[in-house]
Amino acid sequence: VESGGGLVQAGGSLRLSCAATGRTF
């Protein structure tokens, strides 16, 4: 499951996360 996306101006920053379940990560 990803999260952290969105709208940002050029030159800006975003941090995406991906949470995993179901196996030994």
PDBML (XML) file of the C-alpha atoms, coordinates in Angstrom:
<?xml version="1.0" encoding="UTF-8" ?>
<PDBx:datablock datablockName="MODEL"
   xmlns:PDBx="http://pdbml.pdb.org/schema/pdbx-v50.xsd"
   xmlns:xsi="http://www.w3.org/2001/XMLSchema-instance"
   xsi:schemaLocation="http://pdbml.pdb.org/schema/pdbx-v50.xsd pdbx-v50.xsd">
   <PDBx:atom_siteCategory>
      <PDBx:atom_site id="1">
         <PDBx:B_iso_or_equiv>0.00</PDBx:B_iso_or_equiv>
         <PDBx:Cartn_x>0.000</PDBx:Cartn_x>
         <PDBx:Cartn_y>0.000</PDBx:Cartn_y>
         <PDBx:Cartn_z>0.000</PDBx:Cartn_z>
         <PDBx:auth_asym_id>A</PDBx:auth_asym_id>
         <PDBx:auth_atom_id>CA</PDBx:auth_atom_id>
         <PDBx:auth_comp_id>VAL</PDBx:auth_comp_id>
         <PDBx:auth_seq_id>1</PDBx:auth_seq_id>
         <PDBx:group_PDB>ATOM</PDBx:group_PDB>
         <PDBx:label_alt_id xsi:nil="true" />
         <PDBx:label_asym_id>A</PDBx:label_asym_id>
         <PDBx:label_atom_id>CA</PDBx:label_atom_id>
         <PDBx:label_comp_id>VAL</PDBx:label_comp_id>
         <PDBx:label_entity_id>1</PDBx:label_entity_id>
         <PDBx:label_seq_id>1</PDBx:label_seq_id>
         <PDBx:occupancy>1.00</PDBx:occupancy>
         <PDBx:pdbx_PDB_model_num>1</PDBx:pdbx_PDB_model_num>
         <PDBx:type_symbol>C</PDBx:type_symbol>
      </PDBx:atom_site>
      <PDBx:atom_site id="2">
         <PDBx:B_iso_or_equiv>0.00</PDBx:B_iso_or_equiv>
         <PDBx:Cartn_x>1.547</PDBx:Cartn_x>
         <PDBx:Cartn_y>3.261</PDBx:Cartn_y>
         <PDBx:Cartn_z>-1.185</PDBx:Cartn_z>
         <PDBx:auth_asym_id>A</PDBx:auth_asym_id>
         <PDBx:auth_atom_id>CA</PDBx:auth_atom_id>
         <PDBx:auth_comp_id>GLU</PDBx:auth_comp_id>
         <PDBx:auth_seq_id>2</PDBx:auth_seq_id>
         <PDBx:group_PDB>ATOM</PDBx:group_PDB>
         <PDBx:label_alt_id xsi:nil="true" />
         <PDBx:label_asym_id>A</PDBx:label_asym_id>
         <PDBx:label_atom_id>CA</PDBx:label_atom_id>
         <PDBx:label_comp_id>GLU</PDBx:label_comp_id>
         <PDBx:label_entity_id>1</PDBx:label_entity_id>
         <PDBx:label_seq_id>2</PDBx:label_seq_id>
         <PDBx:occupancy>1.00</PDBx:occupancy>
         <PDBx:pdbx_PDB_model_num>1</PDBx:pdbx_PDB_model_num>
         <PDBx:type_symbol>C</PDBx:type_symbol>
      </PDBx:atom_site>
      <PDBx:atom_site id="3">
         <PDBx:B_iso_or_equiv>0.00</PDBx:B_iso_or_equiv>
         <PDBx:Cartn_x>0.976</PDBx:Cartn_x>
         <PDBx:Cartn_y>6.665</PDBx:Cartn_y>
         <PDBx:Cartn_z>0.349</PDBx:Cartn_z>
         <PDBx:auth_asym_id>A</PDBx:auth_asym_id>
         <PDBx:auth_atom_id>CA</PDBx:auth_atom_id>
         <PDBx:auth_comp_id>SER</PDBx:auth_comp_id>
         <PDBx:auth_seq_id>3</PDBx:auth_seq_id>
         <PDBx:group_PDB>ATOM</PDBx:group_PDB>
         <PDBx:label_alt_id xsi:nil="true" />
         <PDBx:label_asym_id>A</PDBx:label_asym_id>
         <PDBx:label_atom_id>CA</PDBx:label_atom_id>
         <PDBx:label_comp_id>SER</PDBx:label_comp_id>
         <PDBx:label_entity_id>1</PDBx:label_entity_id>
         <PDBx:label_seq_id>3</PDBx:label_seq_id>
         <PDBx:occupancy>1.00</PDBx:occupancy>
         <PDBx:pdbx_PDB_model_num>1</PDBx:pdbx_PDB_model_num>
         <PDBx:type_symbol>C</PDBx:type_symbol>
      </PDBx:atom_site>
      <PDBx:atom_site id="4">
         <PDBx:B_iso_or_equiv>0.00</PDBx:B_iso_or_equiv>
         <PDBx:Cartn_x>2.417</PDBx:Cartn_x>
         <PDBx:Cartn_y>10.166</PDBx:Cartn_y>
         <PDBx:Cartn_z>0.223</PDBx:Cartn_z>
         <PDBx:auth_asym_id>A</PDBx:auth_asym_id>
         <PDBx:auth_atom_id>CA</PDBx:auth_atom_id>
         <PDBx:auth_comp_id>GLY</PDBx:auth_comp_id>
         <PDBx:auth_seq_id>4</PDBx:auth_seq_id>
         <PDBx:group_PDB>ATOM</PDBx:group_PDB>
         <PDBx:label_alt_id xsi:nil="true" />
         <PDBx:label_asym_id>A</PDBx:label_asym_id>
         <PDBx:label_atom_id>CA</PDBx:label_atom_id>
         <PDBx:label_comp_id>GLY</PDBx:label_comp_id>
         <PDBx:label_entity_id>1</PDBx:label_entity_id>
         <PDBx:label_seq_id>4</PDBx:label_seq_id>
         <PDBx:occupancy>1.00</PDBx:occupancy>
         <PDBx:pdbx_PDB_model_num>1</PDBx:pdbx_PDB_model_num>
         <PDBx:type_symbol>C</PDBx:type_symbol>
      </PDBx:atom_site>
      <PDBx:atom_site id="5">
         <PDBx:B_iso_or_equiv>0.00</PDBx:B_iso_or_equiv>
         <PDBx:Cartn_x>1.544</PDBx:Cartn_x>
         <PDBx:Cartn_y>11.232</PDBx:Cartn_y>
         <PDBx:Cartn_z>-3.294</PDBx:Cartn_z>
         <PDBx:auth_asym_id>A</PDBx:auth_asym_id>
         <PDBx:auth_atom_id>CA</PDBx:auth_atom_id>
         <PDBx:auth_comp_id>GLY</PDBx:auth_comp_id>
         <PDBx:auth_seq_id>5</PDBx:auth_seq_id>
         <PDBx:group_PDB>ATOM</PDBx:group_PDB>
         <PDBx:label_alt_id xsi:nil="true" />
         <PDBx:label_asym_id>A</PDBx:label_asym_id>
         <PDBx:label_atom_id>CA</PDBx:label_atom_id>
         <PDBx:label_comp_id>GLY</PDBx:label_comp_id>
         <PDBx:label_entity_id>1</PDBx:label_entity_id>
         <PDBx:label_seq_id>5</PDBx:label_seq_id>
         <PDBx:occupancy>1.00</PDBx:occupancy>
         <PDBx:pdbx_PDB_model_num>1</PDBx:pdbx_PDB_model_num>
         <PDBx:type_symbol>C</PDBx:type_symbol>
      </PDBx:atom_site>
      <PDBx:atom_site id="6">
         <PDBx:B_iso_or_equiv>0.00</PDBx:B_iso_or_equiv>
         <PDBx:Cartn_x>0.015</PDBx:Cartn_x>
         <PDBx:Cartn_y>14.582</PDBx:Cartn_y>
         <PDBx:Cartn_z>-4.097</PDBx:Cartn_z>
         <PDBx:auth_asym_id>A</PDBx:auth_asym_id>
         <PDBx:auth_atom_id>CA</PDBx:auth_atom_id>
         <PDBx:auth_comp_id>GLY</PDBx:auth_comp_id>
         <PDBx:auth_seq_id>6</PDBx:auth_seq_id>
         <PDBx:group_PDB>ATOM</PDBx:group_PDB>
         <PDBx:label_alt_id xsi:nil="true" />
         <PDBx:label_asym_id>A</PDBx:label_asym_id>
         <PDBx:label_atom_id>CA</PDBx:label_atom_id>
         <PDBx:label_comp_id>GLY</PDBx:label_comp_id>
         <PDBx:label_entity_id>1</PDBx:label_entity_id>
         <PDBx:label_seq_id>6</PDBx:label_seq_id>
         <PDBx:occupancy>1.00</PDBx:occupancy>
         <PDBx:pdbx_PDB_model_num>1</PDBx:pdbx_PDB_model_num>
         <PDBx:type_symbol>C</PDBx:type_symbol>
      </PDBx:atom_site>
      <PDBx:atom_site id="7">
         <PDBx:B_iso_or_equiv>0.00</PDBx:B_iso_or_equiv>
         <PDBx:Cartn_x>0.390</PDBx:Cartn_x>
         <PDBx:Cartn_y>17.881</PDBx:Cartn_y>
         <PDBx:Cartn_z>-5.903</PDBx:Cartn_z>
         <PDBx:auth_asym_id>A</PDBx:auth_asym_id>
         <PDBx:auth_atom_id>CA</PDBx:auth_atom_id>
         <PDBx:auth_comp_id>LEU</PDBx:auth_comp_id>
         <PDBx:auth_seq_id>7</PDBx:auth_seq_id>
         <PDBx:group_PDB>ATOM</PDBx:group_PDB>
         <PDBx:label_alt_id xsi:nil="true" />
         <PDBx:label_asym_id>A</PDBx:label_asym_id>
         <PDBx:label_atom_id>CA</PDBx:label_atom_id>
         <PDBx:label_comp_id>LEU</PDBx:label_comp_id>
         <PDBx:label_entity_id>1</PDBx:label_entity_id>
         <PDBx:label_seq_id>7</PDBx:label_seq_id>
         <PDBx:occupancy>1.00</PDBx:occupancy>
         <PDBx:pdbx_PDB_model_num>1</PDBx:pdbx_PDB_model_num>
         <PDBx:type_symbol>C</PDBx:type_symbol>
      </PDBx:atom_site>
      <PDBx:atom_site id="8">
         <PDBx:B_iso_or_equiv>0.00</PDBx:B_iso_or_equiv>
         <PDBx:Cartn_x>3.618</PDBx:Cartn_x>
         <PDBx:Cartn_y>19.832</PDBx:Cartn_y>
         <PDBx:Cartn_z>-5.571</PDBx:Cartn_z>
         <PDBx:auth_asym_id>A</PDBx:auth_asym_id>
         <PDBx:auth_atom_id>CA</PDBx:auth_atom_id>
         <PDBx:auth_comp_id>VAL</PDBx:auth_comp_id>
         <PDBx:auth_seq_id>8</PDBx:auth_seq_id>
         <PDBx:group_PDB>ATOM</PDBx:group_PDB>
         <PDBx:label_alt_id xsi:nil="true" />
         <PDBx:label_asym_id>A</PDBx:label_asym_id>
         <PDBx:label_atom_id>CA</PDBx:label_atom_id>
         <PDBx:label_comp_id>VAL</PDBx:label_comp_id>
         <PDBx:label_entity_id>1</PDBx:label_entity_id>
         <PDBx:label_seq_id>8</PDBx:label_seq_id>
         <PDBx:occupancy>1.00</PDBx:occupancy>
         <PDBx:pdbx_PDB_model_num>1</PDBx:pdbx_PDB_model_num>
         <PDBx:type_symbol>C</PDBx:type_symbol>
      </PDBx:atom_site>
      <PDBx:atom_site id="9">
         <PDBx:B_iso_or_equiv>0.00</PDBx:B_iso_or_equiv>
         <PDBx:Cartn_x>5.291</PDBx:Cartn_x>
         <PDBx:Cartn_y>22.723</PDBx:Cartn_y>
         <PDBx:Cartn_z>-7.368</PDBx:Cartn_z>
         <PDBx:auth_asym_id>A</PDBx:auth_asym_id>
         <PDBx:auth_atom_id>CA</PDBx:auth_atom_id>
         <PDBx:auth_comp_id>GLN</PDBx:auth_comp_id>
         <PDBx:auth_seq_id>9</PDBx:auth_seq_id>
         <PDBx:group_PDB>ATOM</PDBx:group_PDB>
         <PDBx:label_alt_id xsi:nil="true" />
         <PDBx:label_asym_id>A</PDBx:label_asym_id>
         <PDBx:label_atom_id>CA</PDBx:label_atom_id>
         <PDBx:label_comp_id>GLN</PDBx:label_comp_id>
         <PDBx:label_entity_id>1</PDBx:label_entity_id>
         <PDBx:label_seq_id>9</PDBx:label_seq_id>
         <PDBx:occupancy>1.00</PDBx:occupancy>
         <PDBx:pdbx_PDB_model_num>1</PDBx:pdbx_PDB_model_num>
         <PDBx:type_symbol>C</PDBx:type_symbol>
      </PDBx:atom_site>
      <PDBx:atom_site id="10">
         <PDBx:B_iso_or_equiv>0.00</PDBx:B_iso_or_equiv>
         <PDBx:Cartn_x>8.386</PDBx:Cartn_x>
         <PDBx:Cartn_y>22.189</PDBx:Cartn_y>
         <PDBx:Cartn_z>-9.473</PDBx:Cartn_z>
         <PDBx:auth_asym_id>A</PDBx:auth_asym_id>
         <PDBx:auth_atom_id>CA</PDBx:auth_atom_id>
         <PDBx:auth_comp_id>ALA</PDBx:auth_comp_id>
         <PDBx:auth_seq_id>10</PDBx:auth_seq_id>
         <PDBx:group_PDB>ATOM</PDBx:group_PDB>
         <PDBx:label_alt_id xsi:nil="true" />
         <PDBx:label_asym_id>A</PDBx:label_asym_id>
         <PDBx:label_atom_id>CA</PDBx:label_atom_id>
         <PDBx:label_comp_id>ALA</PDBx:label_comp_id>
         <PDBx:label_entity_id>1</PDBx:label_entity_id>
         <PDBx:label_seq_id>10</PDBx:label_seq_id>
         <PDBx:occupancy>1.00</PDBx:occupancy>
         <PDBx:pdbx_PDB_model_num>1</PDBx:pdbx_PDB_model_num>
         <PDBx:type_symbol>C</PDBx:type_symbol>
      </PDBx:atom_site>
      <PDBx:atom_site id="11">
         <PDBx:B_iso_or_equiv>0.00</PDBx:B_iso_or_equiv>
         <PDBx:Cartn_x>11.450</PDBx:Cartn_x>
         <PDBx:Cartn_y>22.180</PDBx:Cartn_y>
         <PDBx:Cartn_z>-7.265</PDBx:Cartn_z>
         <PDBx:auth_asym_id>A</PDBx:auth_asym_id>
         <PDBx:auth_atom_id>CA</PDBx:auth_atom_id>
         <PDBx:auth_comp_id>GLY</PDBx:auth_comp_id>
         <PDBx:auth_seq_id>11</PDBx:auth_seq_id>
         <PDBx:group_PDB>ATOM</PDBx:group_PDB>
         <PDBx:label_alt_id xsi:nil="true" />
         <PDBx:label_asym_id>A</PDBx:label_asym_id>
         <PDBx:label_atom_id>CA</PDBx:label_atom_id>
         <PDBx:label_comp_id>GLY</PDBx:label_comp_id>
         <PDBx:label_entity_id>1</PDBx:label_entity_id>
         <PDBx:label_seq_id>11</PDBx:label_seq_id>
         <PDBx:occupancy>1.00</PDBx:occupancy>
         <PDBx:pdbx_PDB_model_num>1</PDBx:pdbx_PDB_model_num>
         <PDBx:type_symbol>C</PDBx:type_symbol>
      </PDBx:atom_site>
      <PDBx:atom_site id="12">
         <PDBx:B_iso_or_equiv>0.00</PDBx:B_iso_or_equiv>
         <PDBx:Cartn_x>9.551</PDBx:Cartn_x>
         <PDBx:Cartn_y>20.829</PDBx:Cartn_y>
         <PDBx:Cartn_z>-4.298</PDBx:Cartn_z>
         <PDBx:auth_asym_id>A</PDBx:auth_asym_id>
         <PDBx:auth_atom_id>CA</PDBx:auth_atom_id>
         <PDBx:auth_comp_id>GLY</PDBx:auth_comp_id>
         <PDBx:auth_seq_id>12</PDBx:auth_seq_id>
         <PDBx:group_PDB>ATOM</PDBx:group_PDB>
         <PDBx:label_alt_id xsi:nil="true" />
         <PDBx:label_asym_id>A</PDBx:label_asym_id>
         <PDBx:label_atom_id>CA</PDBx:label_atom_id>
         <PDBx:label_comp_id>GLY</PDBx:label_comp_id>
         <PDBx:label_entity_id>1</PDBx:label_entity_id>
         <PDBx:label_seq_id>12</PDBx:label_seq_id>
         <PDBx:occupancy>1.00</PDBx:occupancy>
         <PDBx:pdbx_PDB_model_num>1</PDBx:pdbx_PDB_model_num>
         <PDBx:type_symbol>C</PDBx:type_symbol>
      </PDBx:atom_site>
      <PDBx:atom_site id="13">
         <PDBx:B_iso_or_equiv>0.00</PDBx:B_iso_or_equiv>
         <PDBx:Cartn_x>9.758</PDBx:Cartn_x>
         <PDBx:Cartn_y>17.510</PDBx:Cartn_y>
         <PDBx:Cartn_z>-2.499</PDBx:Cartn_z>
         <PDBx:auth_asym_id>A</PDBx:auth_asym_id>
         <PDBx:auth_atom_id>CA</PDBx:auth_atom_id>
         <PDBx:auth_comp_id>SER</PDBx:auth_comp_id>
         <PDBx:auth_seq_id>13</PDBx:auth_seq_id>
         <PDBx:group_PDB>ATOM</PDBx:group_PDB>
         <PDBx:label_alt_id xsi:nil="true" />
         <PDBx:label_asym_id>A</PDBx:label_asym_id>
         <PDBx:label_atom_id>CA</PDBx:label_atom_id>
         <PDBx:label_comp_id>SER</PDBx:label_comp_id>
         <PDBx:label_entity_id>1</PDBx:label_entity_id>
         <PDBx:label_seq_id>13</PDBx:label_seq_id>
         <PDBx:occupancy>1.00</PDBx:occupancy>
         <PDBx:pdbx_PDB_model_num>1</PDBx:pdbx_PDB_model_num>
         <PDBx:type_symbol>C</PDBx:type_symbol>
      </PDBx:atom_site>
      <PDBx:atom_site id="14">
         <PDBx:B_iso_or_equiv>0.00</PDBx:B_iso_or_equiv>
         <PDBx:Cartn_x>7.566</PDBx:Cartn_x>
         <PDBx:Cartn_y>14.550</PDBx:Cartn_y>
         <PDBx:Cartn_z>-1.653</PDBx:Cartn_z>
         <PDBx:auth_asym_id>A</PDBx:auth_asym_id>
         <PDBx:auth_atom_id>CA</PDBx:auth_atom_id>
         <PDBx:auth_comp_id>LEU</PDBx:auth_comp_id>
         <PDBx:auth_seq_id>14</PDBx:auth_seq_id>
         <PDBx:group_PDB>ATOM</PDBx:group_PDB>
         <PDBx:label_alt_id xsi:nil="true" />
         <PDBx:label_asym_id>A</PDBx:label_asym_id>
         <PDBx:label_atom_id>CA</PDBx:label_atom_id>
         <PDBx:label_comp_id>LEU</PDBx:label_comp_id>
         <PDBx:label_entity_id>1</PDBx:label_entity_id>
         <PDBx:label_seq_id>14</PDBx:label_seq_id>
         <PDBx:occupancy>1.00</PDBx:occupancy>
         <PDBx:pdbx_PDB_model_num>1</PDBx:pdbx_PDB_model_num>
         <PDBx:type_symbol>C</PDBx:type_symbol>
      </PDBx:atom_site>
      <PDBx:atom_site id="15">
         <PDBx:B_iso_or_equiv>0.00</PDBx:B_iso_or_equiv>
         <PDBx:Cartn_x>8.176</PDBx:Cartn_x>
         <PDBx:Cartn_y>11.410</PDBx:Cartn_y>
         <PDBx:Cartn_z>0.362</PDBx:Cartn_z>
         <PDBx:auth_asym_id>A</PDBx:auth_asym_id>
         <PDBx:auth_atom_id>CA</PDBx:auth_atom_id>
         <PDBx:auth_comp_id>ARG</PDBx:auth_comp_id>
         <PDBx:auth_seq_id>15</PDBx:auth_seq_id>
         <PDBx:group_PDB>ATOM</PDBx:group_PDB>
         <PDBx:label_alt_id xsi:nil="true" />
         <PDBx:label_asym_id>A</PDBx:label_asym_id>
         <PDBx:label_atom_id>CA</PDBx:label_atom_id>
         <PDBx:label_comp_id>ARG</PDBx:label_comp_id>
         <PDBx:label_entity_id>1</PDBx:label_entity_id>
         <PDBx:label_seq_id>15</PDBx:label_seq_id>
         <PDBx:occupancy>1.00</PDBx:occupancy>
         <PDBx:pdbx_PDB_model_num>1</PDBx:pdbx_PDB_model_num>
         <PDBx:type_symbol>C</PDBx:type_symbol>
      </PDBx:atom_site>
      <PDBx:atom_site id="16">
         <PDBx:B_iso_or_equiv>0.00</PDBx:B_iso_or_equiv>
         <PDBx:Cartn_x>6.385</PDBx:Cartn_x>
         <PDBx:Cartn_y>8.252</PDBx:Cartn_y>
         <PDBx:Cartn_z>-0.703</PDBx:Cartn_z>
         <PDBx:auth_asym_id>A</PDBx:auth_asym_id>
         <PDBx:auth_atom_id>CA</PDBx:auth_atom_id>
         <PDBx:auth_comp_id>LEU</PDBx:auth_comp_id>
         <PDBx:auth_seq_id>16</PDBx:auth_seq_id>
         <PDBx:group_PDB>ATOM</PDBx:group_PDB>
         <PDBx:label_alt_id xsi:nil="true" />
         <PDBx:label_asym_id>A</PDBx:label_asym_id>
         <PDBx:label_atom_id>CA</PDBx:label_atom_id>
         <PDBx:label_comp_id>LEU</PDBx:label_comp_id>
         <PDBx:label_entity_id>1</PDBx:label_entity_id>
         <PDBx:label_seq_id>16</PDBx:label_seq_id>
         <PDBx:occupancy>1.00</PDBx:occupancy>
         <PDBx:pdbx_PDB_model_num>1</PDBx:pdbx_PDB_model_num>
         <PDBx:type_symbol>C</PDBx:type_symbol>
      </PDBx:atom_site>
      <PDBx:atom_site id="17">
         <PDBx:B_iso_or_equiv>0.00</PDBx:B_iso_or_equiv>
         <PDBx:Cartn_x>5.883</PDBx:Cartn_x>
         <PDBx:Cartn_y>5.308</PDBx:Cartn_y>
         <PDBx:Cartn_z>1.617</PDBx:Cartn_z>
         <PDBx:auth_asym_id>A</PDBx:auth_asym_id>
         <PDBx:auth_atom_id>CA</PDBx:auth_atom_id>
         <PDBx:auth_comp_id>SER</PDBx:auth_comp_id>
         <PDBx:auth_seq_id>17</PDBx:auth_seq_id>
         <PDBx:group_PDB>ATOM</PDBx:group_PDB>
         <PDBx:label_alt_id xsi:nil="true" />
         <PDBx:label_asym_id>A</PDBx:label_asym_id>
         <PDBx:label_atom_id>CA</PDBx:label_atom_id>
         <PDBx:label_comp_id>SER</PDBx:label_comp_id>
         <PDBx:label_entity_id>1</PDBx:label_entity_id>
         <PDBx:label_seq_id>17</PDBx:label_seq_id>
         <PDBx:occupancy>1.00</PDBx:occupancy>
         <PDBx:pdbx_PDB_model_num>1</PDBx:pdbx_PDB_model_num>
         <PDBx:type_symbol>C</PDBx:type_symbol>
      </PDBx:atom_site>
      <PDBx:atom_site id="18">
         <PDBx:B_iso_or_equiv>0.00</PDBx:B_iso_or_equiv>
         <PDBx:Cartn_x>4.991</PDBx:Cartn_x>
         <PDBx:Cartn_y>1.704</PDBx:Cartn_y>
         <PDBx:Cartn_z>0.893</PDBx:Cartn_z>
         <PDBx:auth_asym_id>A</PDBx:auth_asym_id>
         <PDBx:auth_atom_id>CA</PDBx:auth_atom_id>
         <PDBx:auth_comp_id>CYS</PDBx:auth_comp_id>
         <PDBx:auth_seq_id>18</PDBx:auth_seq_id>
         <PDBx:group_PDB>ATOM</PDBx:group_PDB>
         <PDBx:label_alt_id xsi:nil="true" />
         <PDBx:label_asym_id>A</PDBx:label_asym_id>
         <PDBx:label_atom_id>CA</PDBx:label_atom_id>
         <PDBx:label_comp_id>CYS</PDBx:label_comp_id>
         <PDBx:label_entity_id>1</PDBx:label_entity_id>
         <PDBx:label_seq_id>18</PDBx:label_seq_id>
         <PDBx:occupancy>1.00</PDBx:occupancy>
         <PDBx:pdbx_PDB_model_num>1</PDBx:pdbx_PDB_model_num>
         <PDBx:type_symbol>C</PDBx:type_symbol>
      </PDBx:atom_site>
      <PDBx:atom_site id="19">
         <PDBx:B_iso_or_equiv>0.00</PDBx:B_iso_or_equiv>
         <PDBx:Cartn_x>3.766</PDBx:Cartn_x>
         <PDBx:Cartn_y>-0.523</PDBx:Cartn_y>
         <PDBx:Cartn_z>3.697</PDBx:Cartn_z>
         <PDBx:auth_asym_id>A</PDBx:auth_asym_id>
         <PDBx:auth_atom_id>CA</PDBx:auth_atom_id>
         <PDBx:auth_comp_id>ALA</PDBx:auth_comp_id>
         <PDBx:auth_seq_id>19</PDBx:auth_seq_id>
         <PDBx:group_PDB>ATOM</PDBx:group_PDB>
         <PDBx:label_alt_id xsi:nil="true" />
         <PDBx:label_asym_id>A</PDBx:label_asym_id>
         <PDBx:label_atom_id>CA</PDBx:label_atom_id>
         <PDBx:label_comp_id>ALA</PDBx:label_comp_id>
         <PDBx:label_entity_id>1</PDBx:label_entity_id>
         <PDBx:label_seq_id>19</PDBx:label_seq_id>
         <PDBx:occupancy>1.00</PDBx:occupancy>
         <PDBx:pdbx_PDB_model_num>1</PDBx:pdbx_PDB_model_num>
         <PDBx:type_symbol>C</PDBx:type_symbol>
      </PDBx:atom_site>
      <PDBx:atom_site id="20">
         <PDBx:B_iso_or_equiv>0.00</PDBx:B_iso_or_equiv>
         <PDBx:Cartn_x>4.099</PDBx:Cartn_x>
         <PDBx:Cartn_y>-4.266</PDBx:Cartn_y>
         <PDBx:Cartn_z>3.149</PDBx:Cartn_z>
         <PDBx:auth_asym_id>A</PDBx:auth_asym_id>
         <PDBx:auth_atom_id>CA</PDBx:auth_atom_id>
         <PDBx:auth_comp_id>ALA</PDBx:auth_comp_id>
         <PDBx:auth_seq_id>20</PDBx:auth_seq_id>
         <PDBx:group_PDB>ATOM</PDBx:group_PDB>
         <PDBx:label_alt_id xsi:nil="true" />
         <PDBx:label_asym_id>A</PDBx:label_asym_id>
         <PDBx:label_atom_id>CA</PDBx:label_atom_id>
         <PDBx:label_comp_id>ALA</PDBx:label_comp_id>
         <PDBx:label_entity_id>1</PDBx:label_entity_id>
         <PDBx:label_seq_id>20</PDBx:label_seq_id>
         <PDBx:occupancy>1.00</PDBx:occupancy>
         <PDBx:pdbx_PDB_model_num>1</PDBx:pdbx_PDB_model_num>
         <PDBx:type_symbol>C</PDBx:type_symbol>
      </PDBx:atom_site>
      <PDBx:atom_site id="21">
         <PDBx:B_iso_or_equiv>0.00</PDBx:B_iso_or_equiv>
         <PDBx:Cartn_x>2.320</PDBx:Cartn_x>
         <PDBx:Cartn_y>-7.183</PDBx:Cartn_y>
         <PDBx:Cartn_z>4.774</PDBx:Cartn_z>
         <PDBx:auth_asym_id>A</PDBx:auth_asym_id>
         <PDBx:auth_atom_id>CA</PDBx:auth_atom_id>
         <PDBx:auth_comp_id>THR</PDBx:auth_comp_id>
         <PDBx:auth_seq_id>21</PDBx:auth_seq_id>
         <PDBx:group_PDB>ATOM</PDBx:group_PDB>
         <PDBx:label_alt_id xsi:nil="true" />
         <PDBx:label_asym_id>A</PDBx:label_asym_id>
         <PDBx:label_atom_id>CA</PDBx:label_atom_id>
         <PDBx:label_comp_id>THR</PDBx:label_comp_id>
         <PDBx:label_entity_id>1</PDBx:label_entity_id>
         <PDBx:label_seq_id>21</PDBx:label_seq_id>
         <PDBx:occupancy>1.00</PDBx:occupancy>
         <PDBx:pdbx_PDB_model_num>1</PDBx:pdbx_PDB_model_num>
         <PDBx:type_symbol>C</PDBx:type_symbol>
      </PDBx:atom_site>
      <PDBx:atom_site id="22">
         <PDBx:B_iso_or_equiv>0.00</PDBx:B_iso_or_equiv>
         <PDBx:Cartn_x>2.064</PDBx:Cartn_x>
         <PDBx:Cartn_y>-10.898</PDBx:Cartn_y>
         <PDBx:Cartn_z>4.144</PDBx:Cartn_z>
         <PDBx:auth_asym_id>A</PDBx:auth_asym_id>
         <PDBx:auth_atom_id>CA</PDBx:auth_atom_id>
         <PDBx:auth_comp_id>GLY</PDBx:auth_comp_id>
         <PDBx:auth_seq_id>22</PDBx:auth_seq_id>
         <PDBx:group_PDB>ATOM</PDBx:group_PDB>
         <PDBx:label_alt_id xsi:nil="true" />
         <PDBx:label_asym_id>A</PDBx:label_asym_id>
         <PDBx:label_atom_id>CA</PDBx:label_atom_id>
         <PDBx:label_comp_id>GLY</PDBx:label_comp_id>
         <PDBx:label_entity_id>1</PDBx:label_entity_id>
         <PDBx:label_seq_id>22</PDBx:label_seq_id>
         <PDBx:occupancy>1.00</PDBx:occupancy>
         <PDBx:pdbx_PDB_model_num>1</PDBx:pdbx_PDB_model_num>
         <PDBx:type_symbol>C</PDBx:type_symbol>
      </PDBx:atom_site>
      <PDBx:atom_site id="23">
         <PDBx:B_iso_or_equiv>0.00</PDBx:B_iso_or_equiv>
         <PDBx:Cartn_x>5.669</PDBx:Cartn_x>
         <PDBx:Cartn_y>-12.091</PDBx:Cartn_y>
         <PDBx:Cartn_z>4.140</PDBx:Cartn_z>
         <PDBx:auth_asym_id>A</PDBx:auth_asym_id>
         <PDBx:auth_atom_id>CA</PDBx:auth_atom_id>
         <PDBx:auth_comp_id>ARG</PDBx:auth_comp_id>
         <PDBx:auth_seq_id>23</PDBx:auth_seq_id>
         <PDBx:group_PDB>ATOM</PDBx:group_PDB>
         <PDBx:label_alt_id xsi:nil="true" />
         <PDBx:label_asym_id>A</PDBx:label_asym_id>
         <PDBx:label_atom_id>CA</PDBx:label_atom_id>
         <PDBx:label_comp_id>ARG</PDBx:label_comp_id>
         <PDBx:label_entity_id>1</PDBx:label_entity_id>
         <PDBx:label_seq_id>23</PDBx:label_seq_id>
         <PDBx:occupancy>1.00</PDBx:occupancy>
         <PDBx:pdbx_PDB_model_num>1</PDBx:pdbx_PDB_model_num>
         <PDBx:type_symbol>C</PDBx:type_symbol>
      </PDBx:atom_site>
      <PDBx:atom_site id="24">
         <PDBx:B_iso_or_equiv>0.00</PDBx:B_iso_or_equiv>
         <PDBx:Cartn_x>9.033</PDBx:Cartn_x>
         <PDBx:Cartn_y>-11.572</PDBx:Cartn_y>
         <PDBx:Cartn_z>5.780</PDBx:Cartn_z>
         <PDBx:auth_asym_id>A</PDBx:auth_asym_id>
         <PDBx:auth_atom_id>CA</PDBx:auth_atom_id>
         <PDBx:auth_comp_id>THR</PDBx:auth_comp_id>
         <PDBx:auth_seq_id>24</PDBx:auth_seq_id>
         <PDBx:group_PDB>ATOM</PDBx:group_PDB>
         <PDBx:label_alt_id xsi:nil="true" />
         <PDBx:label_asym_id>A</PDBx:label_asym_id>
         <PDBx:label_atom_id>CA</PDBx:label_atom_id>
         <PDBx:label_comp_id>THR</PDBx:label_comp_id>
         <PDBx:label_entity_id>1</PDBx:label_entity_id>
         <PDBx:label_seq_id>24</PDBx:label_seq_id>
         <PDBx:occupancy>1.00</PDBx:occupancy>
         <PDBx:pdbx_PDB_model_num>1</PDBx:pdbx_PDB_model_num>
         <PDBx:type_symbol>C</PDBx:type_symbol>
      </PDBx:atom_site>
      <PDBx:atom_site id="25">
         <PDBx:B_iso_or_equiv>0.00</PDBx:B_iso_or_equiv>
         <PDBx:Cartn_x>9.753</PDBx:Cartn_x>
         <PDBx:Cartn_y>-8.101</PDBx:Cartn_y>
         <PDBx:Cartn_z>4.421</PDBx:Cartn_z>
         <PDBx:auth_asym_id>A</PDBx:auth_asym_id>
         <PDBx:auth_atom_id>CA</PDBx:auth_atom_id>
         <PDBx:auth_comp_id>PHE</PDBx:auth_comp_id>
         <PDBx:auth_seq_id>25</PDBx:auth_seq_id>
         <PDBx:group_PDB>ATOM</PDBx:group_PDB>
         <PDBx:label_alt_id xsi:nil="true" />
         <PDBx:label_asym_id>A</PDBx:label_asym_id>
         <PDBx:label_atom_id>CA</PDBx:label_atom_id>
         <PDBx:label_comp_id>PHE</PDBx:label_comp_id>
         <PDBx:label_entity_id>1</PDBx:label_entity_id>
         <PDBx:label_seq_id>25</PDBx:label_seq_id>
         <PDBx:occupancy>1.00</PDBx:occupancy>
         <PDBx:pdbx_PDB_model_num>1</PDBx:pdbx_PDB_model_num>
         <PDBx:type_symbol>C</PDBx:type_symbol>
      </PDBx:atom_site>
   </PDBx:atom_siteCategory>
</PDBx:datablock>
